[in-house]
Amino acid sequence: MNVLHIILTIIQVICSIGLVVIVMLQTGKDGLSSTITGSSEGFMARNKGTSKEAKLAKLTKIVAAVFLVLTFVLNLF
């Protein structure tokens, strides 16, 4: 069990670093500040990075789920 625990811990560290990197790659969403200042973007500017952003969001959910499962599994040992 000791070897399994070490392997799972290494995978969890890799997932945590990957999760931080993926979140840092994502762009922030315009919230209330753009509403107050009145800045608006055109259709092309808003949908320019949709595919990249959608992939990053999906990858974030997957890596976060793996991290969560690994955390639960490591607590069992």
N, C-alpha and C. Protein backbone atom coordinates (compact mmCIF):
# COMPACT_ATOMS: atom_id res chain seq x y z
N MET A 1 0.81 -1.20 0.00
CA MET A 1 0.00 0.00 0.00
C MET A 1 0.85 1.27 0.00
N ASN A 2 2.06 1.16 0.51
CA ASN A 2 2.92 2.33 0.59
C ASN A 2 3.30 2.83 -0.82
N VAL A 3 3.59 1.92 -1.72
CA VAL A 3 3.95 2.31 -3.08
C VAL A 3 2.75 2.94 -3.79
N LEU A 4 1.57 2.37 -3.58
CA LEU A 4 0.35 2.92 -4.17
C LEU A 4 0.08 4.33 -3.64
N HIS A 5 0.29 4.52 -2.37
CA HIS A 5 0.09 5.84 -1.76
C HIS A 5 1.04 6.87 -2.36
N ILE A 6 2.29 6.49 -2.58
CA ILE A 6 3.27 7.40 -3.16
C ILE A 6 2.90 7.74 -4.60
N ILE A 7 2.48 6.75 -5.37
CA ILE A 7 2.09 6.97 -6.76
C ILE A 7 0.88 7.89 -6.85
N LEU A 8 -0.13 7.65 -6.01
CA LEU A 8 -1.33 8.49 -6.01
C LEU A 8 -1.01 9.92 -5.56
N THR A 9 -0.09 10.06 -4.62
CA THR A 9 0.31 11.38 -4.17
C THR A 9 1.02 12.15 -5.28
N ILE A 10 1.87 11.47 -6.02
CA ILE A 10 2.56 12.12 -7.15
C ILE A 10 1.56 12.54 -8.21
N ILE A 11 0.59 11.69 -8.50
CA ILE A 11 -0.44 12.03 -9.49
C ILE A 11 -1.27 13.22 -9.00
N GLN A 12 -1.55 13.26 -7.70
CA GLN A 12 -2.32 14.37 -7.15
C GLN A 12 -1.55 15.69 -7.24
N VAL A 13 -0.26 15.66 -7.00
CA VAL A 13 0.56 16.86 -7.12
C VAL A 13 0.58 17.35 -8.57
N ILE A 14 0.71 16.42 -9.50
CA ILE A 14 0.69 16.79 -10.92
C ILE A 14 -0.66 17.38 -11.30
N CYS A 15 -1.75 16.79 -10.79
CA CYS A 15 -3.09 17.33 -11.06
C CYS A 15 -3.26 18.72 -10.47
N SER A 16 -2.74 18.94 -9.28
CA SER A 16 -2.90 20.25 -8.65
C SER A 16 -2.13 21.32 -9.42
N ILE A 17 -0.92 21.00 -9.86
CA ILE A 17 -0.15 21.95 -10.66
C ILE A 17 -0.84 22.21 -11.99
N GLY A 18 -1.33 21.14 -12.61
CA GLY A 18 -2.06 21.28 -13.87
C GLY A 18 -3.32 22.11 -13.73
N LEU A 19 -4.01 21.94 -12.62
CA LEU A 19 -5.24 22.70 -12.37
C LEU A 19 -4.93 24.18 -12.22
N VAL A 20 -3.88 24.51 -11.53
CA VAL A 20 -3.48 25.91 -11.38
C VAL A 20 -3.13 26.51 -12.73
N VAL A 21 -2.38 25.78 -13.54
CA VAL A 21 -1.98 26.28 -14.86
C VAL A 21 -3.19 26.48 -15.76
N ILE A 22 -4.10 25.52 -15.75
CA ILE A 22 -5.30 25.61 -16.60
C ILE A 22 -6.15 26.80 -16.20
N VAL A 23 -6.32 27.01 -14.90
CA VAL A 23 -7.14 28.14 -14.43
C VAL A 23 -6.46 29.46 -14.79
N MET A 24 -5.14 29.51 -14.70
CA MET A 24 -4.44 30.74 -15.05
C MET A 24 -4.51 31.04 -16.55
N LEU A 25 -4.66 30.02 -17.38
CA LEU A 25 -4.77 30.23 -18.82
C LEU A 25 -6.12 30.80 -19.24
N GLN A 26 -7.13 30.61 -18.41
CA GLN A 26 -8.46 31.08 -18.76
C GLN A 26 -8.55 32.59 -18.61
N THR A 27 -9.35 33.18 -19.49
CA THR A 27 -9.55 34.63 -19.40
C THR A 27 -10.70 34.91 -18.46
N GLY A 28 -10.65 36.07 -17.85
CA GLY A 28 -11.72 36.46 -16.94
C GLY A 28 -12.96 36.88 -17.71
N LYS A 29 -14.08 36.67 -17.10
CA LYS A 29 -15.34 37.08 -17.72
C LYS A 29 -15.65 38.50 -17.28
N ASP A 30 -16.18 39.30 -18.21
CA ASP A 30 -16.56 40.66 -17.87
C ASP A 30 -17.82 40.60 -17.02
N GLY A 31 -17.76 41.27 -15.94
CA GLY A 31 -18.89 41.26 -15.02
C GLY A 31 -19.55 42.61 -14.94
N LEU A 32 -19.71 43.06 -13.74
CA LEU A 32 -20.42 44.30 -13.47
C LEU A 32 -19.65 45.52 -13.95
N SER A 33 -18.33 45.44 -13.97
CA SER A 33 -17.54 46.62 -14.35
C SER A 33 -17.79 47.02 -15.80
N SER A 34 -17.95 46.05 -16.70
CA SER A 34 -18.22 46.41 -18.09
C SER A 34 -19.64 46.94 -18.26
N THR A 35 -20.54 46.52 -17.40
CA THR A 35 -21.91 47.02 -17.46
C THR A 35 -21.95 48.47 -17.01
N ILE A 36 -21.21 48.79 -15.97
CA ILE A 36 -21.22 50.15 -15.45
C ILE A 36 -20.53 51.10 -16.41
N THR A 37 -19.40 50.70 -16.96
CA THR A 37 -18.66 51.60 -17.85
C THR A 37 -19.26 51.66 -19.24
N GLY A 38 -20.11 50.72 -19.57
CA GLY A 38 -20.78 50.76 -20.86
C GLY A 38 -19.99 50.16 -21.99
N SER A 39 -18.91 49.48 -21.68
CA SER A 39 -18.13 48.88 -22.76
C SER A 39 -18.84 47.65 -23.28
N SER A 40 -18.92 47.58 -24.58
CA SER A 40 -19.55 46.41 -25.19
C SER A 40 -18.69 45.94 -26.33
N GLU A 41 -18.68 44.65 -26.53
CA GLU A 41 -17.90 44.08 -27.61
C GLU A 41 -18.83 43.60 -28.70
N GLY A 42 -18.29 43.56 -29.90
CA GLY A 42 -19.08 43.06 -31.01
C GLY A 42 -19.20 41.55 -30.98
N PHE A 43 -19.97 41.01 -31.89
CA PHE A 43 -20.21 39.57 -31.93
C PHE A 43 -18.93 38.79 -32.16
N MET A 44 -18.11 39.25 -33.08
CA MET A 44 -16.88 38.53 -33.40
C MET A 44 -15.88 38.57 -32.24
N ALA A 45 -15.80 39.69 -31.55
CA ALA A 45 -14.87 39.81 -30.43
C ALA A 45 -15.28 38.91 -29.27
N ARG A 46 -16.58 38.79 -29.05
CA ARG A 46 -17.05 37.95 -27.95
C ARG A 46 -16.87 36.48 -28.23
N ASN A 47 -17.04 36.06 -29.46
CA ASN A 47 -16.99 34.64 -29.79
C ASN A 47 -15.67 34.22 -30.40
N LYS A 48 -14.68 35.06 -30.32
CA LYS A 48 -13.39 34.78 -30.93
C LYS A 48 -12.72 33.56 -30.30
N GLY A 49 -12.68 33.49 -28.99
CA GLY A 49 -12.00 32.39 -28.32
C GLY A 49 -12.93 31.38 -27.71
N THR A 50 -14.11 31.23 -28.27
CA THR A 50 -15.08 30.34 -27.66
C THR A 50 -14.61 28.90 -27.64
N SER A 51 -14.04 28.43 -28.71
CA SER A 51 -13.64 27.03 -28.73
C SER A 51 -12.49 26.77 -27.76
N LYS A 52 -11.54 27.68 -27.71
CA LYS A 52 -10.42 27.52 -26.76
C LYS A 52 -10.92 27.61 -25.33
N GLU A 53 -11.79 28.56 -25.07
CA GLU A 53 -12.32 28.73 -23.72
C GLU A 53 -13.18 27.55 -23.31
N ALA A 54 -13.95 27.03 -24.24
CA ALA A 54 -14.80 25.87 -23.93
C ALA A 54 -13.94 24.65 -23.61
N LYS A 55 -12.87 24.46 -24.37
CA LYS A 55 -11.97 23.34 -24.10
C LYS A 55 -11.27 23.49 -22.75
N LEU A 56 -10.84 24.70 -22.44
CA LEU A 56 -10.20 24.93 -21.15
C LEU A 56 -11.17 24.72 -19.99
N ALA A 57 -12.41 25.14 -20.17
CA ALA A 57 -13.41 24.95 -19.11
C ALA A 57 -13.69 23.47 -18.90
N LYS A 58 -13.78 22.72 -19.99
CA LYS A 58 -14.03 21.28 -19.88
C LYS A 58 -12.84 20.57 -19.24
N LEU A 59 -11.62 20.97 -19.63
CA LEU A 59 -10.42 20.38 -19.06
C LEU A 59 -10.30 20.71 -17.58
N THR A 60 -10.71 21.91 -17.20
CA THR A 60 -10.70 22.29 -15.79
C THR A 60 -11.62 21.40 -14.98
N LYS A 61 -12.80 21.13 -15.50
CA LYS A 61 -13.74 20.26 -14.78
C LYS A 61 -13.21 18.85 -14.64
N ILE A 62 -12.57 18.34 -15.69
CA ILE A 62 -12.04 16.97 -15.65
C ILE A 62 -10.90 16.86 -14.65
N VAL A 63 -9.96 17.80 -14.71
CA VAL A 63 -8.81 17.75 -13.81
C VAL A 63 -9.26 17.97 -12.36
N ALA A 64 -10.22 18.84 -12.15
CA ALA A 64 -10.74 19.06 -10.80
C ALA A 64 -11.43 17.81 -10.26
N ALA A 65 -12.16 17.11 -11.11
CA ALA A 65 -12.82 15.86 -10.68
C ALA A 65 -11.78 14.79 -10.33
N VAL A 66 -10.73 14.67 -11.13
CA VAL A 66 -9.66 13.71 -10.84
C VAL A 66 -8.98 14.08 -9.52
N PHE A 67 -8.73 15.36 -9.32
CA PHE A 67 -8.11 15.81 -8.08
C PHE A 67 -9.00 15.48 -6.88
N LEU A 68 -10.29 15.69 -7.01
CA LEU A 68 -11.24 15.41 -5.93
C LEU A 68 -11.28 13.92 -5.60
N VAL A 69 -11.34 13.09 -6.63
CA VAL A 69 -11.37 11.64 -6.42
C VAL A 69 -10.06 11.17 -5.77
N LEU A 70 -8.95 11.69 -6.24
CA LEU A 70 -7.66 11.31 -5.64
C LEU A 70 -7.58 11.74 -4.18
N THR A 71 -8.12 12.88 -3.86
CA THR A 71 -8.12 13.34 -2.47
C THR A 71 -8.93 12.39 -1.59
N PHE A 72 -10.09 11.96 -2.07
CA PHE A 72 -10.90 11.01 -1.30
C PHE A 72 -10.20 9.66 -1.16
N VAL A 73 -9.60 9.20 -2.23
CA VAL A 73 -8.92 7.90 -2.20
C VAL A 73 -7.72 7.95 -1.25
N LEU A 74 -6.96 9.04 -1.30
CA LEU A 74 -5.79 9.16 -0.42
C LEU A 74 -6.20 9.26 1.05
N ASN A 75 -7.38 9.78 1.33
CA ASN A 75 -7.85 9.85 2.71
C ASN A 75 -8.25 8.48 3.24
N LEU A 76 -8.55 7.56 2.37
CA LEU A 76 -8.92 6.21 2.80
C LEU A 76 -7.71 5.43 3.30
N PHE A 77 -6.51 5.76 2.82
CA PHE A 77 -5.32 5.01 3.21
C PHE A 77 -4.70 5.58 4.44
